[in-house]
Amino acid sequence: MKKTYDINLTKVLGSGSFGKVFMANNKKDPSIKIAIKVINKKGLSDEDLTNLMNEVQLMQTVDHPNIVKYYETYDDVKHIYLCMELCTGGELFSQII
C-alpha cells in the first residue's frame, strides 16, 4: 500500500540487519505515538520479501493483549514501513534475566 502520512520520526528504538524501529508521533496530535519499523528494500532478497509479506499477513490476523498490535504497512521506492503499537515497557529479554 502506498500512502502519505503526517508523522514525525522522533527517535530510534532499535536496529537490525534490515532496518530500524522508530518512535513516531502524529504532527496534528503529538499525543498519538506509534512504532514504525523501517525496512530497507535494497537489502531484501525475493525470499526475504516473501517472508516479510507472510509476517504481515500473520500480524493482521492476531489480536491478543500480550502481542503488539499491527496497524498497517506502506512503502516507497526505498523502504517498507510497518506501523505498530508502541510498547514502552522496555525490552522483554532484559526483564527476564
C-alpha atoms as a PDB file:
ATOM      1  CA  MET A   1       0.000   0.000   0.000  1.00  0.00           C
ATOM      2  CA  LYS A   2       1.345   3.432  -0.766  1.00  0.00           C
ATOM      3  CA  LYS A   3       0.151   6.269   1.445  1.00  0.00           C
ATOM      4  CA  THR A   4       1.370   9.616   2.686  1.00  0.00           C
ATOM      5  CA  TYR A   5       1.284  10.258   6.420  1.00  0.00           C
ATOM      6  CA  ASP A   6       1.767  13.349   8.516  1.00  0.00           C
ATOM      7  CA  ILE A   7       4.191  11.917  11.086  1.00  0.00           C
ATOM      8  CA  ASN A   8       7.452  12.749  12.806  1.00  0.00           C
ATOM      9  CA  LEU A   9      10.013  10.026  13.455  1.00  0.00           C
ATOM     10  CA  THR A  10      11.163  11.094  16.911  1.00  0.00           C
ATOM     11  CA  LYS A  11      13.833   8.587  17.983  1.00  0.00           C
ATOM     12  CA  VAL A  12      15.407   5.245  17.148  1.00  0.00           C
ATOM     13  CA  LEU A  13      14.141   2.446  19.382  1.00  0.00           C
ATOM     14  CA  GLY A  14      16.256  -0.328  17.885  1.00  0.00           C
ATOM     15  CA  SER A  15      18.004  -1.574  14.787  1.00  0.00           C
ATOM     16  CA  GLY A  16      18.720  -4.812  12.993  1.00  0.00           C
ATOM     17  CA  SER A  17      20.163  -6.172   9.778  1.00  0.00           C
ATOM     18  CA  PHE A  18      17.289  -4.914   7.586  1.00  0.00           C
ATOM     19  CA  GLY A  19      16.484  -1.552   9.151  1.00  0.00           C
ATOM     20  CA  LYS A  20      15.467   0.388  12.235  1.00  0.00           C
ATOM     21  CA  VAL A  21      12.450   0.831  14.503  1.00  0.00           C
ATOM     22  CA  PHE A  22      11.469   4.404  15.273  1.00  0.00           C
ATOM     23  CA  MET A  23       9.085   6.034  17.702  1.00  0.00           C
ATOM     24  CA  ALA A  24       6.792   8.308  15.719  1.00  0.00           C
ATOM     25  CA  ASN A  25       4.019  10.750  16.506  1.00  0.00           C
ATOM     26  CA  ASN A  26       1.254  12.399  14.552  1.00  0.00           C
ATOM     27  CA  LYS A  27       2.100  16.017  13.590  1.00  0.00           C
ATOM     28  CA  LYS A  28      -1.506  17.130  14.166  1.00  0.00           C
ATOM     29  CA  ASP A  29      -1.845  15.332  17.509  1.00  0.00           C
ATOM     30  CA  PRO A  30       1.578  14.608  19.082  1.00  0.00           C
ATOM     31  CA  SER A  31      -0.060  12.548  21.828  1.00  0.00           C
ATOM     32  CA  ILE A  32      -0.654   9.808  19.227  1.00  0.00           C
ATOM     33  CA  LYS A  33       2.512   7.693  19.233  1.00  0.00           C
ATOM     34  CA  ILE A  34       3.339   4.515  17.317  1.00  0.00           C
ATOM     35  CA  ALA A  35       6.358   2.391  16.429  1.00  0.00           C
ATOM     36  CA  ILE A  36       7.417   2.252  12.789  1.00  0.00           C
ATOM     37  CA  LYS A  37       9.734  -0.470  11.544  1.00  0.00           C
ATOM     38  CA  VAL A  38      11.568   0.978   8.526  1.00  0.00           C
ATOM     39  CA  ILE A  39      12.968  -1.793   6.318  1.00  0.00           C
ATOM     40  CA  ASN A  40      15.467  -1.042   3.559  1.00  0.00           C
ATOM     41  CA  LYS A  41      14.345  -2.761   0.352  1.00  0.00           C
ATOM     42  CA  LYS A  42      17.900  -2.750  -1.009  1.00  0.00           C
ATOM     43  CA  GLY A  43      18.960  -5.455   1.445  1.00  0.00           C
ATOM     44  CA  LEU A  44      15.985  -7.755   0.796  1.00  0.00           C
ATOM     45  CA  SER A  45      16.136 -10.855  -1.353  1.00  0.00           C
ATOM     46  CA  ASP A  46      12.986 -12.173  -3.011  1.00  0.00           C
ATOM     47  CA  GLU A  47      12.763 -14.763  -0.220  1.00  0.00           C
ATOM     48  CA  ASP A  48      13.138 -12.041   2.450  1.00  0.00           C
ATOM     49  CA  LEU A  49      10.342 -10.033   0.835  1.00  0.00           C
ATOM     50  CA  THR A  50       8.080 -13.101   0.708  1.00  0.00           C
ATOM     51  CA  ASN A  51       8.801 -13.828   4.384  1.00  0.00           C
ATOM     52  CA  LEU A  52       8.055 -10.214   5.290  1.00  0.00           C
ATOM     53  CA  MET A  53       4.710 -10.293   3.477  1.00  0.00           C
ATOM     54  CA  ASN A  54       3.869 -13.579   5.249  1.00  0.00           C
ATOM     55  CA  GLU A  55       4.730 -11.924   8.571  1.00  0.00           C
ATOM     56  CA  VAL A  56       2.419  -9.004   7.767  1.00  0.00           C
ATOM     57  CA  GLN A  57      -0.427 -11.365   6.857  1.00  0.00           C
ATOM     58  CA  LEU A  58       0.054 -13.196  10.147  1.00  0.00           C
ATOM     59  CA  MET A  59       0.157  -9.951  12.167  1.00  0.00           C
ATOM     60  CA  GLN A  60      -3.119  -8.879  10.540  1.00  0.00           C
ATOM     61  CA  THR A  61      -4.867 -11.955  11.931  1.00  0.00           C
ATOM     62  CA  VAL A  62      -3.575 -11.785  15.527  1.00  0.00           C
ATOM     63  CA  ASP A  63      -5.472  -9.860  18.191  1.00  0.00           C
ATOM     64  CA  HIS A  64      -4.274 -10.501  21.728  1.00  0.00           C
ATOM     65  CA  PRO A  65      -3.489  -8.099  24.603  1.00  0.00           C
ATOM     66  CA  ASN A  66       0.019  -9.606  25.035  1.00  0.00           C
ATOM     67  CA  ILE A  67       1.030  -9.222  21.376  1.00  0.00           C
ATOM     68  CA  VAL A  68       1.993  -5.913  19.762  1.00  0.00           C
ATOM     69  CA  LYS A  69      -0.856  -4.605  17.607  1.00  0.00           C
ATOM     70  CA  TYR A  70      -0.199  -4.225  13.899  1.00  0.00           C
ATOM     71  CA  TYR A  71      -1.787  -1.169  12.256  1.00  0.00           C
ATOM     72  CA  GLU A  72      -0.716  -1.002   8.614  1.00  0.00           C
ATOM     73  CA  THR A  73       2.064  -1.213   6.052  1.00  0.00           C
ATOM     74  CA  TYR A  74       3.077   1.244   3.391  1.00  0.00           C
ATOM     75  CA  ASP A  75       6.089   1.632   1.150  1.00  0.00           C
ATOM     76  CA  ASP A  76       8.023   3.883  -1.158  1.00  0.00           C
ATOM     77  CA  VAL A  77      10.838   3.270  -3.638  1.00  0.00           C
ATOM     78  CA  LYS A  78      13.488   2.548  -0.981  1.00  0.00           C
ATOM     79  CA  HIS A  79      11.660   1.386   2.159  1.00  0.00           C
ATOM     80  CA  ILE A  80       8.804  -0.644   3.610  1.00  0.00           C
ATOM     81  CA  TYR A  81       7.152   0.790   6.737  1.00  0.00           C
ATOM     82  CA  LEU A  82       5.389  -1.414   9.286  1.00  0.00           C
ATOM     83  CA  CYS A  83       3.253   0.642  11.681  1.00  0.00           C
ATOM     84  CA  MET A  84       2.653  -0.977  15.046  1.00  0.00           C
ATOM     85  CA  GLU A  85       1.609  -0.278  18.597  1.00  0.00           C
ATOM     86  CA  LEU A  86       4.278   1.489  20.643  1.00  0.00           C
ATOM     87  CA  CYS A  87       5.200  -0.557  23.724  1.00  0.00           C
ATOM     88  CA  THR A  88       7.117   1.455  26.290  1.00  0.00           C
ATOM     89  CA  GLY A  89       7.888  -1.241  28.873  1.00  0.00           C
ATOM     90  CA  GLY A  90      11.457  -1.891  27.705  1.00  0.00           C
ATOM     91  CA  GLU A  91      12.990  -4.993  26.181  1.00  0.00           C
ATOM     92  CA  LEU A  92      11.472  -8.332  27.079  1.00  0.00           C
ATOM     93  CA  PHE A  93      14.801 -10.121  27.419  1.00  0.00           C
ATOM     94  CA  SER A  94      16.270  -7.531  29.771  1.00  0.00           C
ATOM     95  CA  GLN A  95      13.280  -8.054  32.085  1.00  0.00           C
ATOM     96  CA  ILE A  96      13.611 -11.848  32.123  1.00  0.00           C
ATOM     97  CA  ILE A  97      17.309 -12.004  33.033  1.00  0.00           C
END
